[in-house]
Amino acid sequence: MSKNKPVVVIGLMGSGKTTVGALVARALGVPLRDSDPFLRERYGRSAAEIAAAEGAGVLHRRESEHVLHALAERPPPVIAAAASTVEDPEVRAALRGAFVVWLDAPDAILAQRMRSSDHRPDFSPAAMRARRLPYFEQVADLRLDVSTATPDESAKIICDAL
């Protein structure tokens, strides 16, 4: 499956998308496509900088652009997708052709993980979850509780599911 279908890792900030995605990509021998390097390379700014300078709407469109671009790559990569992308109907439709893994954890754990990051200082897991939960549930093929599984364990579960 992995050679024919992209693997997309979704979840709220702090869930470990980049870390777990990199482990899965390495195990599958395919590239990892992560929104943060994409934004820096294409737009010269981090997600937080884009949001501050141009607004969240612009940032979310650019994050969706990343996912749509990566989904078209061959061979299919592993994609660490920004959580905002599930709000985009075009992205949700495109995800039907991928194996989508939702990394989840309780809000308190996600908030604690984000305290040490300047990615988005105003991050509220509860607010983001309330807005995005129906979309995560709609697109996910597999949901993992990353509060009880290490990144290595999560990557193994994903690879075994493939």
N, C-alpha and C. Protein backbone atom coordinates (compact mmCIF):
# COMPACT_ATOMS: atom_id res chain seq x y z
N MET A 1 0.82 -1.19 0.00
CA MET A 1 0.00 0.00 0.00
C MET A 1 0.87 1.26 0.00
N SER A 2 1.93 1.30 0.77
CA SER A 2 2.70 2.52 0.95
C SER A 2 3.35 3.00 -0.33
N LYS A 3 3.68 2.12 -1.24
CA LYS A 3 4.33 2.54 -2.47
C LYS A 3 3.32 3.09 -3.47
N ASN A 4 2.05 2.81 -3.28
CA ASN A 4 1.02 3.27 -4.21
C ASN A 4 0.17 4.39 -3.65
N LYS A 5 0.22 4.59 -2.36
CA LYS A 5 -0.68 5.51 -1.70
C LYS A 5 0.12 6.34 -0.69
N PRO A 6 -0.06 7.66 -0.69
CA PRO A 6 0.63 8.45 0.32
C PRO A 6 0.08 8.17 1.72
N VAL A 7 0.95 8.33 2.69
CA VAL A 7 0.55 8.26 4.09
C VAL A 7 0.52 9.70 4.58
N VAL A 8 -0.61 10.11 5.14
CA VAL A 8 -0.75 11.48 5.65
C VAL A 8 -0.97 11.42 7.15
N VAL A 9 -0.11 12.11 7.88
CA VAL A 9 -0.19 12.16 9.33
C VAL A 9 -0.82 13.50 9.70
N ILE A 10 -1.97 13.44 10.40
CA ILE A 10 -2.69 14.64 10.82
C ILE A 10 -2.78 14.66 12.34
N GLY A 11 -3.14 15.80 12.87
CA GLY A 11 -3.32 15.94 14.31
C GLY A 11 -3.08 17.38 14.71
N LEU A 12 -3.48 17.70 15.91
CA LEU A 12 -3.27 19.04 16.44
C LEU A 12 -1.79 19.28 16.70
N MET A 13 -1.41 20.55 16.84
CA MET A 13 -0.03 20.87 17.17
C MET A 13 0.37 20.17 18.46
N GLY A 14 1.59 19.67 18.46
CA GLY A 14 2.10 18.97 19.63
C GLY A 14 1.85 17.47 19.60
N SER A 15 1.15 16.99 18.58
CA SER A 15 0.84 15.55 18.53
C SER A 15 2.01 14.72 18.01
N GLY A 16 3.01 15.35 17.41
CA GLY A 16 4.17 14.60 16.95
C GLY A 16 4.14 14.23 15.48
N LYS A 17 3.42 14.98 14.67
CA LYS A 17 3.29 14.66 13.25
C LYS A 17 4.64 14.55 12.55
N THR A 18 5.50 15.52 12.77
CA THR A 18 6.79 15.53 12.10
C THR A 18 7.66 14.37 12.59
N THR A 19 7.70 14.16 13.89
CA THR A 19 8.54 13.10 14.45
C THR A 19 8.08 11.73 13.98
N VAL A 20 6.80 11.45 14.13
CA VAL A 20 6.27 10.14 13.73
C VAL A 20 6.33 10.00 12.21
N GLY A 21 5.99 11.06 11.49
CA GLY A 21 6.05 11.02 10.03
C GLY A 21 7.44 10.69 9.52
N ALA A 22 8.46 11.28 10.13
CA ALA A 22 9.84 11.00 9.73
C ALA A 22 10.20 9.54 9.97
N LEU A 23 9.77 8.98 11.07
CA LEU A 23 10.05 7.57 11.36
C LEU A 23 9.35 6.65 10.36
N VAL A 24 8.11 6.96 10.02
CA VAL A 24 7.37 6.15 9.04
C VAL A 24 8.02 6.28 7.67
N ALA A 25 8.37 7.49 7.27
CA ALA A 25 9.01 7.70 5.97
C ALA A 25 10.32 6.91 5.88
N ARG A 26 11.10 6.94 6.93
CA ARG A 26 12.36 6.21 6.95
C ARG A 26 12.11 4.71 6.81
N ALA A 27 11.13 4.21 7.56
CA ALA A 27 10.82 2.77 7.51
C ALA A 27 10.33 2.35 6.13
N LEU A 28 9.60 3.23 5.45
CA LEU A 28 9.05 2.90 4.13
C LEU A 28 10.01 3.24 2.99
N GLY A 29 11.07 3.98 3.30
CA GLY A 29 12.02 4.36 2.27
C GLY A 29 11.48 5.40 1.30
N VAL A 30 10.64 6.30 1.81
CA VAL A 30 10.07 7.37 0.99
C VAL A 30 10.34 8.71 1.66
N PRO A 31 10.21 9.80 0.92
CA PRO A 31 10.47 11.11 1.53
C PRO A 31 9.35 11.54 2.48
N LEU A 32 9.71 12.41 3.42
CA LEU A 32 8.75 13.08 4.29
C LEU A 32 8.53 14.47 3.73
N ARG A 33 7.27 14.86 3.63
CA ARG A 33 6.92 16.22 3.24
C ARG A 33 6.21 16.86 4.42
N ASP A 34 6.82 17.90 4.96
CA ASP A 34 6.32 18.57 6.17
C ASP A 34 5.99 20.01 5.83
N SER A 35 4.90 20.51 6.37
CA SER A 35 4.46 21.87 6.02
C SER A 35 5.44 22.94 6.47
N ASP A 36 6.09 22.78 7.60
CA ASP A 36 6.98 23.83 8.09
C ASP A 36 8.14 24.10 7.12
N PRO A 37 8.89 23.08 6.69
CA PRO A 37 9.94 23.36 5.70
C PRO A 37 9.38 23.87 4.36
N PHE A 38 8.21 23.37 3.96
CA PHE A 38 7.58 23.84 2.73
C PHE A 38 7.31 25.34 2.81
N LEU A 39 6.73 25.79 3.92
CA LEU A 39 6.42 27.21 4.08
C LEU A 39 7.68 28.06 4.08
N ARG A 40 8.71 27.60 4.77
CA ARG A 40 9.97 28.36 4.81
C ARG A 40 10.60 28.45 3.43
N GLU A 41 10.61 27.31 2.72
CA GLU A 41 11.24 27.28 1.40
C GLU A 41 10.46 28.13 0.39
N ARG A 42 9.15 27.97 0.36
CA ARG A 42 8.34 28.65 -0.65
C ARG A 42 8.06 30.11 -0.30
N TYR A 43 7.84 30.40 0.98
CA TYR A 43 7.41 31.74 1.37
C TYR A 43 8.41 32.48 2.26
N GLY A 44 9.48 31.81 2.67
CA GLY A 44 10.52 32.47 3.45
C GLY A 44 10.13 32.79 4.88
N ARG A 45 9.06 32.15 5.37
CA ARG A 45 8.60 32.42 6.73
C ARG A 45 8.09 31.14 7.38
N SER A 46 8.11 31.15 8.71
CA SER A 46 7.50 30.06 9.47
C SER A 46 5.99 30.24 9.49
N ALA A 47 5.30 29.22 9.95
CA ALA A 47 3.84 29.31 10.09
C ALA A 47 3.46 30.47 11.00
N ALA A 48 4.14 30.62 12.12
CA ALA A 48 3.83 31.70 13.06
C ALA A 48 4.07 33.07 12.41
N GLU A 49 5.14 33.18 11.64
CA GLU A 49 5.44 34.46 10.98
C GLU A 49 4.40 34.79 9.91
N ILE A 50 3.97 33.79 9.16
CA ILE A 50 2.94 34.02 8.14
C ILE A 50 1.64 34.44 8.81
N ALA A 51 1.26 33.73 9.86
CA ALA A 51 0.02 34.07 10.57
C ALA A 51 0.07 35.50 11.11
N ALA A 52 1.21 35.89 11.68
CA ALA A 52 1.34 37.23 12.26
C ALA A 52 1.32 38.32 11.18
N ALA A 53 1.98 38.05 10.07
CA ALA A 53 2.12 39.08 9.03
C ALA A 53 0.94 39.14 8.06
N GLU A 54 0.37 37.97 7.76
CA GLU A 54 -0.64 37.92 6.70
C GLU A 54 -1.99 37.37 7.14
N GLY A 55 -2.05 36.85 8.36
CA GLY A 55 -3.30 36.34 8.89
C GLY A 55 -3.42 34.82 8.78
N ALA A 56 -4.27 34.29 9.64
CA ALA A 56 -4.47 32.84 9.69
C ALA A 56 -5.06 32.30 8.40
N GLY A 57 -5.92 33.06 7.74
CA GLY A 57 -6.52 32.59 6.49
C GLY A 57 -5.48 32.32 5.42
N VAL A 58 -4.51 33.22 5.28
CA VAL A 58 -3.43 33.03 4.31
C VAL A 58 -2.60 31.82 4.69
N LEU A 59 -2.26 31.72 5.97
CA LEU A 59 -1.49 30.58 6.43
C LEU A 59 -2.21 29.28 6.10
N HIS A 60 -3.49 29.19 6.39
CA HIS A 60 -4.23 27.95 6.17
C HIS A 60 -4.32 27.61 4.69
N ARG A 61 -4.45 28.60 3.83
CA ARG A 61 -4.45 28.32 2.38
C ARG A 61 -3.10 27.76 1.95
N ARG A 62 -2.04 28.30 2.49
CA ARG A 62 -0.70 27.82 2.13
C ARG A 62 -0.43 26.42 2.68
N GLU A 63 -0.96 26.14 3.85
CA GLU A 63 -0.82 24.78 4.40
C GLU A 63 -1.60 23.78 3.55
N SER A 64 -2.77 24.17 3.08
CA SER A 64 -3.54 23.30 2.18
C SER A 64 -2.80 23.09 0.86
N GLU A 65 -2.20 24.15 0.36
CA GLU A 65 -1.40 24.06 -0.87
C GLU A 65 -0.30 23.01 -0.70
N HIS A 66 0.34 23.02 0.46
CA HIS A 66 1.39 22.04 0.73
C HIS A 66 0.88 20.61 0.59
N VAL A 67 -0.25 20.32 1.23
CA VAL A 67 -0.78 18.96 1.21
C VAL A 67 -1.17 18.56 -0.21
N LEU A 68 -1.86 19.43 -0.92
CA LEU A 68 -2.29 19.10 -2.28
C LEU A 68 -1.09 18.88 -3.19
N HIS A 69 -0.07 19.69 -3.03
CA HIS A 69 1.16 19.53 -3.81
C HIS A 69 1.83 18.18 -3.49
N ALA A 70 1.95 17.87 -2.21
CA ALA A 70 2.63 16.63 -1.81
C ALA A 70 1.83 15.39 -2.21
N LEU A 71 0.51 15.47 -2.18
CA LEU A 71 -0.31 14.32 -2.57
C LEU A 71 -0.13 13.96 -4.04
N ALA A 72 0.30 14.90 -4.85
CA ALA A 72 0.50 14.65 -6.28
C ALA A 72 1.87 14.07 -6.59
N GLU A 73 2.75 14.01 -5.62
CA GLU A 73 4.11 13.51 -5.86
C GLU A 73 4.12 12.01 -6.14
N ARG A 74 5.09 11.60 -6.95
CA ARG A 74 5.34 10.18 -7.19
C ARG A 74 6.83 9.95 -7.05
N PRO A 75 7.24 8.95 -6.32
CA PRO A 75 6.41 8.04 -5.55
C PRO A 75 5.74 8.77 -4.39
N PRO A 76 4.63 8.23 -3.91
CA PRO A 76 3.91 8.90 -2.83
C PRO A 76 4.76 9.02 -1.56
N PRO A 77 4.80 10.20 -0.98
CA PRO A 77 5.57 10.42 0.25
C PRO A 77 4.73 10.17 1.49
N VAL A 78 5.37 10.36 2.64
CA VAL A 78 4.67 10.52 3.90
C VAL A 78 4.53 12.02 4.09
N ILE A 79 3.34 12.46 4.45
CA ILE A 79 3.06 13.89 4.57
C ILE A 79 2.66 14.21 6.01
N ALA A 80 3.39 15.13 6.63
CA ALA A 80 3.01 15.67 7.93
C ALA A 80 2.18 16.91 7.63
N ALA A 81 0.86 16.80 7.79
CA ALA A 81 -0.06 17.85 7.36
C ALA A 81 -0.48 18.72 8.54
N ALA A 82 -0.46 20.01 8.34
CA ALA A 82 -0.94 20.94 9.36
C ALA A 82 -2.41 20.64 9.65
N ALA A 83 -2.79 20.79 10.90
CA ALA A 83 -4.16 20.47 11.31
C ALA A 83 -5.20 21.28 10.57
N SER A 84 -4.87 22.49 10.19
CA SER A 84 -5.84 23.36 9.50
C SER A 84 -6.30 22.77 8.18
N THR A 85 -5.50 21.92 7.58
CA THR A 85 -5.81 21.44 6.24
C THR A 85 -7.08 20.61 6.18
N VAL A 86 -7.47 19.99 7.30
CA VAL A 86 -8.69 19.18 7.28
C VAL A 86 -9.95 20.03 7.15
N GLU A 87 -9.83 21.33 7.36
CA GLU A 87 -10.98 22.22 7.20
C GLU A 87 -11.25 22.54 5.73
N ASP A 88 -10.31 22.27 4.87
CA ASP A 88 -10.43 22.59 3.44
C ASP A 88 -11.12 21.43 2.72
N PRO A 89 -12.29 21.67 2.12
CA PRO A 89 -13.01 20.58 1.44
C PRO A 89 -12.21 19.94 0.31
N GLU A 90 -11.39 20.73 -0.39
CA GLU A 90 -10.57 20.17 -1.47
C GLU A 90 -9.54 19.20 -0.91
N VAL A 91 -8.93 19.55 0.21
CA VAL A 91 -7.96 18.65 0.85
C VAL A 91 -8.66 17.39 1.34
N ARG A 92 -9.81 17.54 2.00
CA ARG A 92 -10.53 16.35 2.48
C ARG A 92 -10.86 15.41 1.32
N ALA A 93 -11.28 15.95 0.21
CA ALA A 93 -11.58 15.10 -0.96
C ALA A 93 -10.31 14.41 -1.45
N ALA A 94 -9.21 15.13 -1.50
CA ALA A 94 -7.95 14.55 -1.97
C ALA A 94 -7.42 13.47 -1.02
N LEU A 95 -7.73 13.60 0.27
CA LEU A 95 -7.25 12.62 1.25
C LEU A 95 -7.90 11.26 1.07
N ARG A 96 -8.98 11.18 0.30
CA ARG A 96 -9.61 9.88 0.05
C ARG A 96 -8.65 8.91 -0.63
N GLY A 97 -7.66 9.44 -1.32
CA GLY A 97 -6.68 8.60 -1.99
C GLY A 97 -5.45 8.30 -1.17
N ALA A 98 -5.49 8.63 0.10
CA ALA A 98 -4.32 8.44 0.98
C ALA A 98 -4.70 7.57 2.17
N PHE A 99 -3.69 7.08 2.87
CA PHE A 99 -3.88 6.41 4.15
C PHE A 99 -3.63 7.49 5.20
N VAL A 100 -4.67 7.88 5.94
CA VAL A 100 -4.61 9.02 6.85
C VAL A 100 -4.55 8.53 8.29
N VAL A 101 -3.53 8.98 9.00
CA VAL A 101 -3.33 8.61 10.40
C VAL A 101 -3.50 9.85 11.26
N TRP A 102 -4.40 9.76 12.22
CA TRP A 102 -4.67 10.86 13.15
C TRP A 102 -3.93 10.59 14.45
N LEU A 103 -2.95 11.45 14.75
CA LEU A 103 -2.25 11.38 16.03
C LEU A 103 -3.00 12.27 17.00
N ASP A 104 -3.42 11.69 18.12
CA ASP A 104 -4.24 12.42 19.07
C ASP A 104 -3.69 12.25 20.48
N ALA A 105 -4.03 13.20 21.33
CA ALA A 105 -3.66 13.16 22.74
C ALA A 105 -4.60 14.11 23.48
N PRO A 106 -4.74 13.93 24.78
CA PRO A 106 -5.56 14.87 25.55
C PRO A 106 -5.04 16.31 25.41
N ASP A 107 -5.98 17.25 25.49
CA ASP A 107 -5.64 18.66 25.31
C ASP A 107 -4.54 19.13 26.25
N ALA A 108 -4.57 18.68 27.50
CA ALA A 108 -3.57 19.13 28.47
C ALA A 108 -2.16 18.71 28.05
N ILE A 109 -2.03 17.53 27.48
CA ILE A 109 -0.72 17.06 27.02
C ILE A 109 -0.25 17.88 25.82
N LEU A 110 -1.16 18.14 24.88
CA LEU A 110 -0.79 18.95 23.71
C LEU A 110 -0.38 20.35 24.13
N ALA A 111 -1.12 20.95 25.05
CA ALA A 111 -0.79 22.30 25.52
C ALA A 111 0.58 22.31 26.20
N GLN A 112 0.86 21.30 26.99
CA GLN A 112 2.16 21.21 27.66
C GLN A 112 3.29 21.11 26.64
N ARG A 113 3.10 20.30 25.62
CA ARG A 113 4.13 20.14 24.59
C ARG A 113 4.37 21.45 23.84
N MET A 114 3.34 22.25 23.66
CA MET A 114 3.47 23.48 22.90
C MET A 114 4.01 24.64 23.71
N ARG A 115 4.07 24.51 25.03
CA ARG A 115 4.59 25.61 25.87
C ARG A 115 6.03 25.95 25.51
N SER A 116 6.79 24.96 25.11
CA SER A 116 8.20 25.20 24.81
C SER A 116 8.43 25.59 23.35
N SER A 117 7.36 25.81 22.61
CA SER A 117 7.47 26.12 21.19
C SER A 117 6.98 27.54 20.91
N ASP A 118 7.63 28.19 19.94
CA ASP A 118 7.14 29.49 19.51
C ASP A 118 6.35 29.37 18.21
N HIS A 119 6.00 28.14 17.86
CA HIS A 119 5.28 27.90 16.61
C HIS A 119 4.02 28.75 16.55
N ARG A 120 3.18 28.62 17.55
CA ARG A 120 1.98 29.48 17.67
C ARG A 120 1.73 29.69 19.15
N PRO A 121 2.14 30.82 19.69
CA PRO A 121 2.04 31.02 21.14
C PRO A 121 0.61 31.06 21.66
N ASP A 122 -0.37 31.32 20.80
CA ASP A 122 -1.76 31.42 21.27
C ASP A 122 -2.54 30.13 21.07
N PHE A 123 -1.85 29.02 20.93
CA PHE A 123 -2.46 27.73 20.65
C PHE A 123 -3.37 27.27 21.78
N SER A 124 -4.61 26.95 21.44
CA SER A 124 -5.58 26.40 22.38
C SER A 124 -6.06 25.06 21.85
N PRO A 125 -5.56 23.95 22.41
CA PRO A 125 -5.97 22.64 21.91
C PRO A 125 -7.48 22.44 21.95
N ALA A 126 -8.14 22.88 23.00
CA ALA A 126 -9.58 22.66 23.12
C ALA A 126 -10.34 23.37 22.00
N ALA A 127 -9.97 24.60 21.70
CA ALA A 127 -10.64 25.34 20.63
C ALA A 127 -10.38 24.70 19.27
N MET A 128 -9.14 24.31 19.03
CA MET A 128 -8.81 23.68 17.75
C MET A 128 -9.51 22.33 17.60
N ARG A 129 -9.56 21.56 18.68
CA ARG A 129 -10.23 20.26 18.65
C ARG A 129 -11.72 20.44 18.34
N ALA A 130 -12.35 21.41 19.01
CA ALA A 130 -13.78 21.63 18.80
C ALA A 130 -14.07 21.95 17.34
N ARG A 131 -13.20 22.71 16.72
CA ARG A 131 -13.41 23.11 15.34
C ARG A 131 -13.09 21.99 14.34
N ARG A 132 -12.09 21.17 14.65
CA ARG A 132 -11.57 20.22 13.66
C ARG A 132 -11.95 18.76 13.90
N LEU A 133 -12.48 18.45 15.08
CA LEU A 133 -12.80 17.06 15.41
C LEU A 133 -13.64 16.36 14.35
N PRO A 134 -14.74 16.95 13.87
CA PRO A 134 -15.53 16.22 12.87
C PRO A 134 -14.74 15.91 11.59
N TYR A 135 -13.83 16.79 11.23
CA TYR A 135 -13.03 16.56 10.03
C TYR A 135 -11.99 15.47 10.25
N PHE A 136 -11.33 15.49 11.42
CA PHE A 136 -10.39 14.42 11.73
C PHE A 136 -11.10 13.07 11.67
N GLU A 137 -12.27 13.00 12.30
CA GLU A 137 -13.03 11.75 12.31
C GLU A 137 -13.44 11.33 10.90
N GLN A 138 -13.73 12.29 10.06
CA GLN A 138 -14.16 11.99 8.69
C GLN A 138 -13.03 11.41 7.85
N VAL A 139 -11.82 11.93 7.98
CA VAL A 139 -10.75 11.54 7.05
C VAL A 139 -9.83 10.43 7.58
N ALA A 140 -9.80 10.20 8.88
CA ALA A 140 -8.81 9.28 9.45
C ALA A 140 -9.14 7.82 9.18
N ASP A 141 -8.12 7.11 8.72
CA ASP A 141 -8.20 5.65 8.59
C ASP A 141 -7.74 4.97 9.87
N LEU A 142 -6.90 5.66 10.63
CA LEU A 142 -6.33 5.11 11.86
C LEU A 142 -6.15 6.27 12.83
N ARG A 143 -6.55 6.05 14.09
CA ARG A 143 -6.37 7.05 15.14
C ARG A 143 -5.47 6.47 16.22
N LEU A 144 -4.43 7.20 16.58
CA LEU A 144 -3.48 6.74 17.60
C LEU A 144 -3.44 7.72 18.76
N ASP A 145 -3.47 7.21 19.97
CA ASP A 145 -3.30 8.04 21.16
C ASP A 145 -1.81 8.14 21.45
N VAL A 146 -1.23 9.28 21.11
CA VAL A 146 0.21 9.45 21.27
C VAL A 146 0.60 9.83 22.69
N SER A 147 -0.38 9.91 23.59
CA SER A 147 -0.04 10.13 24.99
C SER A 147 0.37 8.82 25.65
N THR A 148 0.03 7.71 25.03
CA THR A 148 0.38 6.41 25.60
C THR A 148 1.34 5.62 24.72
N ALA A 149 1.65 6.12 23.54
CA ALA A 149 2.58 5.43 22.64
C ALA A 149 3.74 6.37 22.31
N THR A 150 4.94 5.84 22.31
CA THR A 150 6.11 6.62 21.92
C THR A 150 6.08 6.84 20.41
N PRO A 151 6.89 7.77 19.92
CA PRO A 151 6.96 7.93 18.46
C PRO A 151 7.36 6.63 17.74
N ASP A 152 8.31 5.90 18.28
CA ASP A 152 8.72 4.63 17.66
C ASP A 152 7.57 3.63 17.65
N GLU A 153 6.84 3.55 18.75
CA GLU A 153 5.69 2.63 18.82
C GLU A 153 4.60 3.07 17.84
N SER A 154 4.37 4.36 17.75
CA SER A 154 3.37 4.87 16.82
C SER A 154 3.74 4.54 15.38
N ALA A 155 5.01 4.76 15.04
CA ALA A 155 5.47 4.45 13.68
C ALA A 155 5.32 2.97 13.37
N LYS A 156 5.61 2.12 14.32
CA LYS A 156 5.46 0.68 14.10
C LYS A 156 4.00 0.31 13.88
N ILE A 157 3.11 0.89 14.68
CA ILE A 157 1.66 0.62 14.51
C ILE A 157 1.22 1.04 13.11
N ILE A 158 1.68 2.19 12.67
CA ILE A 158 1.31 2.68 11.34
C ILE A 158 1.84 1.74 10.26
N CYS A 159 3.09 1.39 10.36
CA CYS A 159 3.68 0.49 9.34
C CYS A 159 2.99 -0.86 9.35
N ASP A 160 2.66 -1.37 10.51
CA ASP A 160 1.94 -2.65 10.59
C ASP A 160 0.55 -2.53 9.95
N ALA A 161 -0.08 -1.39 10.12
CA ALA A 161 -1.42 -1.18 9.54
C ALA A 161 -1.37 -1.11 8.01
N LEU A 162 -0.24 -0.69 7.49
CA LEU A 162 -0.09 -0.61 6.04
C LEU A 162 0.05 -2.00 5.45
